[in-house]
């Protein structure tokens, strides 16, 4: 390659260093093996490790009406689930405050229900410190 034997050795050494650095990067970052932390959880993990049920919440809403709600809240990690279980009173409070200003018409269609779920998600995320709420699922809704 080069006229000098020292330059050939230096060139080969530099190429090996670059290859070694790239290989070390892939091994350390887990990019090459599809690490388990980046995969989506399966349904068993979601139900067992990442979901908290609020239980039945009944409160009045605008216009002398009542609403009965029940949510399942999915969080991002197990620590967030433990924290959310401890903060269940704050979750119920957030739901009551959110629906107390709504009318039955606000909650009748899919857009209204989706809006309620997003509002509850945002309120809970405002006080949750060890993770985030990823989904709020309405499992029961009765407006009277």
Protein backbone atom coordinates (compact mmCIF):
# COMPACT_ATOMS: atom_id res chain seq x y z
CA UNK A 1 0.00 0.00 0.00
CA UNK A 2 2.26 2.73 1.31
CA UNK A 3 5.98 2.92 0.61
CA UNK A 4 6.83 2.90 4.31
CA UNK A 5 6.25 -0.23 6.37
CA UNK A 6 5.46 1.96 9.44
CA UNK A 7 2.66 3.74 7.54
CA UNK A 8 1.14 0.36 6.56
CA UNK A 9 1.10 -0.76 10.20
CA UNK A 10 -0.37 2.57 11.31
CA UNK A 11 -3.08 2.35 8.61
CA UNK A 12 -4.04 -1.22 9.61
CA UNK A 13 -4.07 -0.23 13.29
CA UNK A 14 -6.42 2.73 12.57
CA UNK A 15 -8.82 0.54 10.56
CA UNK A 16 -8.94 -2.03 13.36
CA UNK A 17 -9.60 0.72 15.93
CA UNK A 18 -12.53 2.05 13.88
CA UNK A 19 -14.02 -1.45 13.47
CA UNK A 20 -13.56 -2.13 17.19
CA UNK A 21 -15.22 1.16 18.16
CA UNK A 22 -18.24 0.48 15.93
CA UNK A 23 -18.58 -3.07 17.27
CA UNK A 24 -18.33 -1.84 20.87
CA UNK A 25 -21.03 0.74 20.20
CA UNK A 26 -23.46 -1.89 18.89
CA UNK A 27 -22.74 -4.27 21.75
CA UNK A 28 -23.07 -1.62 24.48
CA UNK A 29 -26.20 0.05 23.09
CA UNK A 30 -28.04 -3.17 22.31
CA UNK A 31 -28.89 -1.96 18.80
CA UNK A 32 -27.84 -5.19 17.18
CA UNK A 33 -29.80 -7.60 19.37
CA UNK A 34 -33.23 -5.92 19.62
CA UNK A 35 -33.13 -5.39 23.36
CA UNK A 36 -36.17 -6.32 25.45
CA UNK A 37 -36.56 -2.83 26.97
CA UNK A 38 -37.62 -1.34 23.65
CA UNK A 39 -40.31 -3.87 22.73
CA UNK A 40 -43.98 -3.28 23.37
CA UNK A 41 -45.42 -5.12 26.37
CA UNK A 42 -47.77 -8.03 25.70
CA UNK A 43 -51.33 -8.08 27.04
CA UNK A 44 -50.40 -10.13 30.12
CA UNK A 45 -47.73 -7.60 31.12
CA UNK A 46 -50.14 -4.73 30.51
CA UNK A 47 -52.88 -6.22 32.68
CA UNK A 48 -50.63 -7.48 35.48
CA UNK A 49 -47.85 -4.89 35.68
CA UNK A 50 -49.03 -1.69 34.00
CA UNK A 51 -52.77 -1.19 34.62
CA UNK A 52 -54.65 0.26 37.57
CA UNK A 53 -58.45 0.17 37.89
CA UNK A 54 -60.04 3.22 39.47
CA UNK A 55 -63.11 1.46 40.71
CA UNK A 56 -66.56 2.95 40.38
CA UNK A 57 -66.71 6.76 40.60
CA UNK A 58 -70.14 8.36 40.91
CA UNK A 59 -70.63 12.12 40.98
CA UNK A 60 -73.00 14.83 39.84
CA UNK A 61 -72.47 16.85 36.68
CA UNK A 62 -74.06 20.01 35.29
CA UNK A 63 -77.80 20.12 34.90
CA UNK A 64 -78.81 17.97 37.90
CA UNK A 65 -77.46 14.80 36.32
CA UNK A 66 -75.27 12.06 37.70
CA UNK A 67 -72.51 10.06 36.09
CA UNK A 68 -71.03 6.71 37.03
CA UNK A 69 -67.56 6.04 35.61
CA UNK A 70 -64.95 3.34 35.82
CA UNK A 71 -61.51 3.57 34.22
CA UNK A 72 -58.50 1.33 33.67
CA UNK A 73 -55.36 3.42 33.53
CA UNK A 74 -52.27 2.09 31.77
CA UNK A 75 -48.89 3.50 32.82
CA UNK A 76 -45.40 3.36 31.35
CA UNK A 77 -43.66 1.24 34.00
CA UNK A 78 -44.14 -0.80 37.17
CA UNK A 79 -42.95 2.00 39.47
CA UNK A 80 -45.61 4.28 38.02
CA UNK A 81 -48.24 1.62 38.70
CA UNK A 82 -47.19 1.40 42.35
CA UNK A 83 -47.27 5.19 42.67
CA UNK A 84 -50.66 5.42 40.94
CA UNK A 85 -52.14 2.84 43.32
CA UNK A 86 -50.97 4.96 46.26
CA UNK A 87 -52.39 8.10 44.66
CA UNK A 88 -55.83 6.59 43.98
CA UNK A 89 -57.52 9.35 45.98
CA UNK A 90 -55.90 11.96 43.74
CA UNK A 91 -57.01 10.06 40.65
CA UNK A 92 -60.62 10.02 41.84
CA UNK A 93 -60.36 13.71 42.70
CA UNK A 94 -59.02 14.49 39.20
CA UNK A 95 -61.89 12.59 37.60
CA UNK A 96 -64.52 14.30 39.76
CA UNK A 97 -63.10 17.76 39.05
CA UNK A 98 -62.93 17.00 35.34
CA UNK A 99 -66.51 15.76 34.92
CA UNK A 100 -68.14 18.21 37.34
CA UNK A 101 -68.00 20.96 34.73
CA UNK A 102 -69.35 18.81 31.91
CA UNK A 103 -72.89 18.39 30.65
CA UNK A 104 -74.51 15.10 29.61
CA UNK A 105 -74.22 16.25 25.98
CA UNK A 106 -70.43 16.61 26.43
CA UNK A 107 -70.21 12.92 27.31
CA UNK A 108 -72.68 11.28 24.92
CA UNK A 109 -70.57 10.71 21.82
CA UNK A 110 -67.16 9.17 21.11
CA UNK A 111 -65.46 12.54 20.76
CA UNK A 112 -66.67 13.60 24.20
CA UNK A 113 -65.52 10.35 25.78
CA UNK A 114 -62.14 10.60 24.08
CA UNK A 115 -61.84 14.21 25.30
CA UNK A 116 -62.63 13.09 28.87
CA UNK A 117 -60.01 10.32 28.70
CA UNK A 118 -57.38 12.79 27.45
CA UNK A 119 -58.24 15.32 30.15
CA UNK A 120 -57.97 12.66 32.87
CA UNK A 121 -54.68 11.44 31.39
CA UNK A 122 -53.22 14.97 31.42
CA UNK A 123 -54.34 15.66 34.99
CA UNK A 124 -52.85 12.42 36.28
CA UNK A 125 -49.60 13.00 34.39
CA UNK A 126 -49.33 16.39 36.11
CA UNK A 127 -48.79 14.74 39.53
CA UNK A 128 -47.31 11.35 38.60
CA UNK A 129 -43.53 11.40 39.15
CA UNK A 130 -42.22 7.89 38.45
CA UNK A 131 -43.65 7.42 34.96
CA UNK A 132 -46.47 8.53 32.72
CA UNK A 133 -50.00 7.51 31.88
CA UNK A 134 -50.00 6.02 28.39
CA UNK A 135 -53.73 5.22 28.03
CA UNK A 136 -56.96 5.80 29.89
CA UNK A 137 -59.65 3.24 29.07
CA UNK A 138 -63.27 3.88 30.01
CA UNK A 139 -64.71 0.56 31.14
CA UNK A 140 -68.07 1.87 32.35
CA UNK A 141 -70.06 5.08 31.77
CA UNK A 142 -73.63 5.74 32.79
CA UNK A 143 -75.16 9.23 32.63
CA UNK A 144 -78.52 9.80 34.33
